[in-house]
Amino acid sequence: MVFVCWLALGQIGNSAKPVFHGPGLDNWDLALLKDIRLTESKQLQLRFEAFNIFNHTQFENPAGSIDSGFFGQVTAARDTRIMQLGAKFTF
């Protein structure tokens, strides 16, 4: 579907609002944790967390400014896979 607007810059046109669609997201997160009871009131929790576990590329939306030299192009991506280890002691 193509929308053409012949109005001067800054004029309100008749194009539908969602003219441009960005790429979809395929983001999977994972968390593994183990609770270890040390005493009746003390507990240790070990955690492993991974964000974007399958490391799929997550592109940002394309540039939408008409006077930009990158109009309609994807020029950035979101973070890659991030993993972290943690421990929490509750008393």
Protein backbone atom coordinates (compact mmCIF):
# COMPACT_ATOMS: atom_id res chain seq x y z
CA MET A 1 0.00 0.00 0.00
CA VAL A 2 1.51 3.35 -1.05
CA PHE A 3 0.30 6.73 0.10
CA VAL A 4 1.26 9.84 -1.84
CA CYS A 5 0.90 13.33 -0.42
CA TRP A 6 1.32 16.35 -2.74
CA LEU A 7 0.91 18.98 -0.02
CA ALA A 8 3.59 21.44 1.00
CA LEU A 9 5.83 20.49 3.92
CA GLY A 10 4.06 21.05 7.24
CA GLN A 11 0.53 20.68 5.82
CA ILE A 12 -1.83 18.01 7.12
CA GLY A 13 -2.21 15.20 4.59
CA ASN A 14 -4.64 12.31 4.19
CA SER A 15 -2.29 9.38 4.87
CA ALA A 16 -3.29 6.80 7.43
CA LYS A 17 -1.46 6.97 10.75
CA PRO A 18 0.34 3.60 10.67
CA VAL A 19 2.11 4.15 7.35
CA PHE A 20 5.41 2.68 8.53
CA HIS A 21 5.72 -0.55 10.45
CA GLY A 22 8.86 -1.41 12.37
CA PRO A 23 10.34 -4.88 12.56
CA GLY A 24 8.80 -7.30 15.02
CA LEU A 25 10.33 -8.43 18.30
CA ASP A 26 11.42 -11.97 19.09
CA ASN A 27 12.67 -11.64 22.64
CA TRP A 28 12.91 -14.53 25.13
CA ASP A 29 14.08 -14.13 28.73
CA LEU A 30 15.08 -16.91 31.13
CA ALA A 31 15.54 -17.02 34.90
CA LEU A 32 16.73 -19.99 36.96
CA LEU A 33 16.84 -19.76 40.73
CA LYS A 34 17.55 -22.00 43.68
CA ASP A 35 16.43 -21.29 47.27
CA ILE A 36 18.68 -22.72 49.98
CA ARG A 37 17.33 -22.57 53.53
CA LEU A 38 20.23 -22.08 55.94
CA THR A 39 18.29 -21.79 59.21
CA GLU A 40 14.65 -21.27 60.10
CA SER A 41 14.86 -17.53 59.42
CA LYS A 42 17.81 -17.27 56.99
CA GLN A 43 17.73 -18.14 53.32
CA LEU A 44 20.13 -17.85 50.38
CA GLN A 45 18.81 -17.51 46.83
CA LEU A 46 21.09 -18.15 43.84
CA ARG A 47 19.92 -16.68 40.52
CA PHE A 48 20.91 -16.93 36.87
CA GLU A 49 19.10 -14.59 34.46
CA ALA A 50 19.44 -14.23 30.71
CA PHE A 51 17.73 -11.59 28.58
CA ASN A 52 17.25 -12.27 24.85
CA ILE A 53 18.48 -15.83 25.49
CA PHE A 54 18.42 -16.91 21.82
CA ASN A 55 20.32 -13.74 20.81
CA HIS A 56 17.93 -12.74 18.00
CA THR A 57 18.70 -9.37 16.47
CA GLN A 58 16.14 -6.79 17.66
CA PHE A 59 16.09 -3.89 15.19
CA GLU A 60 14.83 -0.43 16.14
CA ASN A 61 12.09 1.27 14.13
CA PRO A 62 13.06 2.95 10.84
CA ALA A 63 13.76 6.68 10.72
CA GLY A 64 10.45 8.49 10.23
CA SER A 65 11.53 12.07 9.60
CA ILE A 66 10.99 12.99 5.95
CA ASP A 67 13.83 15.51 5.89
CA SER A 68 16.29 12.92 7.25
CA GLY A 69 18.82 11.33 4.92
CA PHE A 70 17.97 7.97 6.50
CA PHE A 71 14.20 8.13 5.95
CA GLY A 72 12.71 4.63 6.07
CA GLN A 73 16.02 2.95 6.96
CA VAL A 74 16.78 0.96 10.10
CA THR A 75 19.98 2.37 11.57
CA ALA A 76 20.13 0.84 15.07
CA ALA A 77 19.48 -2.34 17.03
CA ARG A 78 18.57 -3.15 20.62
CA ASP A 79 20.91 -4.86 23.10
CA THR A 80 22.27 -8.33 22.41
CA ARG A 81 22.10 -11.21 24.88
CA ILE A 82 22.68 -10.17 28.49
CA MET A 83 23.37 -12.71 31.26
CA GLN A 84 23.85 -12.17 34.98
CA LEU A 85 24.45 -14.17 38.14
CA GLY A 86 23.23 -13.08 41.53
CA ALA A 87 22.82 -14.13 45.13
CA LYS A 88 20.34 -12.83 47.68
CA PHE A 89 20.58 -13.43 51.41
CA THR A 90 17.40 -12.89 53.43
CA PHE A 91 17.25 -12.86 57.22
